[in-house]
C-alpha atoms as a PDB file:
ATOM      1  CA  MET A   1       0.000   0.000   0.000  1.00  0.00           C
ATOM      2  CA  ASP A   2       2.915   2.344   0.659  1.00  0.00           C
ATOM      3  CA  MET A   3       3.775   2.251  -3.041  1.00  0.00           C
ATOM      4  CA  LEU A   4       0.214   3.248  -3.910  1.00  0.00           C
ATOM      5  CA  ILE A   5      -0.361   5.982  -1.328  1.00  0.00           C
ATOM      6  CA  ASP A   6       2.149   8.722  -0.569  1.00  0.00           C
ATOM      7  CA  THR A   7       0.149  11.890   0.071  1.00  0.00           C
ATOM      8  CA  HIS A   8      -3.274  12.991   1.240  1.00  0.00           C
ATOM      9  CA  GLU A   9      -4.184  13.644  -2.408  1.00  0.00           C
ATOM     10  CA  ASP A  10      -3.754   9.926  -3.143  1.00  0.00           C
ATOM     11  CA  ILE A  11      -6.121   9.105  -0.281  1.00  0.00           C
ATOM     12  CA  ALA A  12      -8.632  11.668  -1.571  1.00  0.00           C
ATOM     13  CA  LYS A  13      -8.611  10.107  -5.058  1.00  0.00           C
ATOM     14  CA  LEU A  14      -9.078   6.610  -3.652  1.00  0.00           C
ATOM     15  CA  VAL A  15     -11.903   7.756  -1.363  1.00  0.00           C
ATOM     16  CA  THR A  16     -13.753   9.614  -4.141  1.00  0.00           C
ATOM     17  CA  SER A  17     -13.459   6.596  -6.449  1.00  0.00           C
ATOM     18  CA  LYS A  18     -14.731   4.390  -3.574  1.00  0.00           C
ATOM     19  CA  VAL A  19     -11.656   2.151  -3.526  1.00  0.00           C
ATOM     20  CA  ILE A  20     -11.104   2.745   0.197  1.00  0.00           C
ATOM     21  CA  ILE A  21     -13.208   4.173   3.013  1.00  0.00           C
ATOM     22  CA  ASN A  22     -11.540   6.653   5.353  1.00  0.00           C
ATOM     23  CA  HIS A  23     -12.833   6.266   8.921  1.00  0.00           C
ATOM     24  CA  ILE A  24      -9.731   7.825  10.498  1.00  0.00           C
ATOM     25  CA  GLY A  25     -10.565  11.473   9.926  1.00  0.00           C
ATOM     26  CA  SER A  26      -8.445  13.618   7.683  1.00  0.00           C
ATOM     27  CA  ASN A  27      -6.769  12.336   4.568  1.00  0.00           C
ATOM     28  CA  GLU A  28      -3.391  13.457   5.913  1.00  0.00           C
ATOM     29  CA  GLU A  29      -3.736  11.217   8.979  1.00  0.00           C
ATOM     30  CA  ALA A  30      -4.765   8.282   6.812  1.00  0.00           C
ATOM     31  CA  ALA A  31      -1.782   8.806   4.491  1.00  0.00           C
ATOM     32  CA  ASN A  32       0.615   8.984   7.443  1.00  0.00           C
ATOM     33  CA  MET A  33      -0.855   5.823   8.966  1.00  0.00           C
ATOM     34  CA  ILE A  34      -0.598   3.844   5.727  1.00  0.00           C
ATOM     35  CA  ASN A  35       2.949   5.065   5.126  1.00  0.00           C
ATOM     36  CA  LYS A  36       3.985   3.938   8.626  1.00  0.00           C
ATOM     37  CA  ILE A  37       2.383   0.483   8.438  1.00  0.00           C
ATOM     38  CA  CYS A  38       4.920  -2.277   7.841  1.00  0.00           C
ATOM     39  CA  LYS A  39       7.801   0.174   7.478  1.00  0.00           C
ATOM     40  CA  GLU A  40      10.201  -2.360   8.983  1.00  0.00           C
ATOM     41  CA  LEU A  41       8.868  -5.402   7.100  1.00  0.00           C
ATOM     42  CA  ALA A  42      10.006  -6.483   3.674  1.00  0.00           C
ATOM     43  CA  PRO A  43       7.463  -8.474   1.680  1.00  0.00           C
ATOM     44  CA  GLU A  44       8.563 -12.010   1.005  1.00  0.00           C
ATOM     45  CA  HIS A  45       6.985 -12.150  -2.414  1.00  0.00           C
ATOM     46  CA  PHE A  46       5.418  -9.248  -4.281  1.00  0.00           C
ATOM     47  CA  TYR A  47       3.272 -10.675  -7.063  1.00  0.00           C
ATOM     48  CA  TYR A  48       3.632  -7.706  -9.392  1.00  0.00           C
ATOM     49  CA  THR A  49       7.372  -7.105  -9.070  1.00  0.00           C
ATOM     50  CA  GLU A  50       8.092  -7.616 -12.755  1.00  0.00           C
ATOM     51  CA  GLN A  51       5.227  -5.381 -13.903  1.00  0.00           C
ATOM     52  CA  TRP A  52       6.142  -2.759 -11.306  1.00  0.00           C
ATOM     53  CA  GLU A  53       9.739  -2.639 -12.529  1.00  0.00           C
ATOM     54  CA  GLN A  54       8.641  -2.411 -16.179  1.00  0.00           C
ATOM     55  CA  LEU A  55       6.269   0.466 -15.435  1.00  0.00           C
ATOM     56  CA  ASP A  56       8.839   2.210 -13.278  1.00  0.00           C
ATOM     57  CA  SER A  57      11.577   1.942 -15.897  1.00  0.00           C
ATOM     58  CA  HIS A  58       9.184   3.090 -18.643  1.00  0.00           C
ATOM     59  CA  PHE A  59       7.937   6.179 -16.821  1.00  0.00           C
ATOM     60  CA  LYS A  60      11.416   7.170 -15.662  1.00  0.00           C
ATOM     61  CA  GLY A  61      12.592   7.181 -19.276  1.00  0.00           C
ATOM     62  CA  TYR A  62      13.459  10.353 -21.168  1.00  0.00           C
ATOM     63  CA  TRP A  63      10.701  10.393 -23.814  1.00  0.00           C
ATOM     64  CA  PRO A  64       7.695   9.514 -21.625  1.00  0.00           C
ATOM     65  CA  ARG A  65       8.568  12.359 -19.245  1.00  0.00           C
ATOM     66  CA  LYS A  66       9.018  14.825 -22.111  1.00  0.00           C
ATOM     67  CA  ILE A  67       5.749  13.795 -23.762  1.00  0.00           C
ATOM     68  CA  VAL A  68       3.843  14.210 -20.503  1.00  0.00           C
ATOM     69  CA  LYS A  69       5.442  17.626 -19.954  1.00  0.00           C
ATOM     70  CA  LEU A  70       4.515  18.643 -23.507  1.00  0.00           C
ATOM     71  CA  LYS A  71       0.899  17.533 -23.016  1.00  0.00           C
ATOM     72  CA  ARG A  72       0.576  19.319 -19.678  1.00  0.00           C
ATOM     73  CA  THR A  73       2.188  22.522 -20.910  1.00  0.00           C
ATOM     74  CA  TYR A  74       0.832  23.005 -24.419  1.00  0.00           C
ATOM     75  CA  PHE A  75      -2.059  20.593 -24.958  1.00  0.00           C
ATOM     76  CA  ASN A  76      -4.035  20.785 -21.722  1.00  0.00           C
ATOM     77  CA  SER A  77      -7.253  21.795 -23.499  1.00  0.00           C
ATOM     78  CA  PRO A  78      -8.936  20.572 -26.667  1.00  0.00           C
ATOM     79  CA  TRP A  79      -8.782  24.070 -28.151  1.00  0.00           C
ATOM     80  CA  SER A  80      -5.008  24.038 -28.286  1.00  0.00           C
ATOM     81  CA  ILE A  81      -5.062  20.728 -30.164  1.00  0.00           C
ATOM     82  CA  ILE A  82      -7.673  22.088 -32.606  1.00  0.00           C
ATOM     83  CA  ALA A  83      -5.568  25.216 -33.112  1.00  0.00           C
ATOM     84  CA  LEU A  84      -2.504  23.070 -33.848  1.00  0.00           C
ATOM     85  CA  PHE A  85      -4.340  21.085 -36.519  1.00  0.00           C
ATOM     86  CA  ALA A  86      -5.819  24.262 -38.014  1.00  0.00           C
ATOM     87  CA  GLY A  87      -2.326  25.788 -38.173  1.00  0.00           C
ATOM     88  CA  ILE A  88      -0.929  22.698 -39.872  1.00  0.00           C
ATOM     89  CA  VAL A  89      -3.764  22.676 -42.433  1.00  0.00           C
ATOM     90  CA  LEU A  90      -3.283  26.398 -43.177  1.00  0.00           C
ATOM     91  CA  PHE A  91       0.463  25.913 -43.537  1.00  0.00           C
ATOM     92  CA  VAL A  92      -0.019  23.033 -45.989  1.00  0.00           C
ATOM     93  CA  LEU A  93      -2.538  25.055 -47.994  1.00  0.00           C
ATOM     94  CA  ALA A  94      -0.165  28.041 -48.132  1.00  0.00           C
ATOM     95  CA  MET A  95       2.649  25.772 -49.318  1.00  0.00           C
ATOM     96  CA  LEU A  96       0.399  24.268 -52.018  1.00  0.00           C
ATOM     97  CA  GLN A  97      -0.652  27.732 -53.144  1.00  0.00           C
ATOM     98  CA  THR A  98       2.988  28.800 -53.389  1.00  0.00           C
ATOM     99  CA  ILE A  99       3.962  25.674 -55.328  1.00  0.00           C
ATOM    100  CA  PHE A 100       1.103  26.053 -57.824  1.00  0.00           C
ATOM    101  CA  THR A 101       1.822  29.779 -58.237  1.00  0.00           C
ATOM    102  CA  ILE A 102       5.465  29.037 -59.046  1.00  0.00           C
ATOM    103  CA  MET A 103       4.546  26.207 -61.426  1.00  0.00           C
ATOM    104  CA  SER A 104       1.983  28.324 -63.336  1.00  0.00           C
ATOM    105  CA  SER A 105       4.338  31.223 -64.001  1.00  0.00           C
END
């Protein structure tokens, strides 16, 4: 559970999606309690070790981080994506117009 929950925001997401029920009180207290449980124990066998390592190595890679940063910075709304496609279409049309103007003269 410590790998899944680090902050009170993680608890809030899990509570709103009805994955867990928080009877402790605040989300901060619940996060602290879960992070302190079994701190000294090492699991004997974690069933998803291989998948966890694959996901971890993938998301720590260079390109996945850059793509996520690009999406968050420039493409956080559908209007920016629509504007990008409109700009590309206008650029292609301007290039075609220039090519046909040069070819006709």
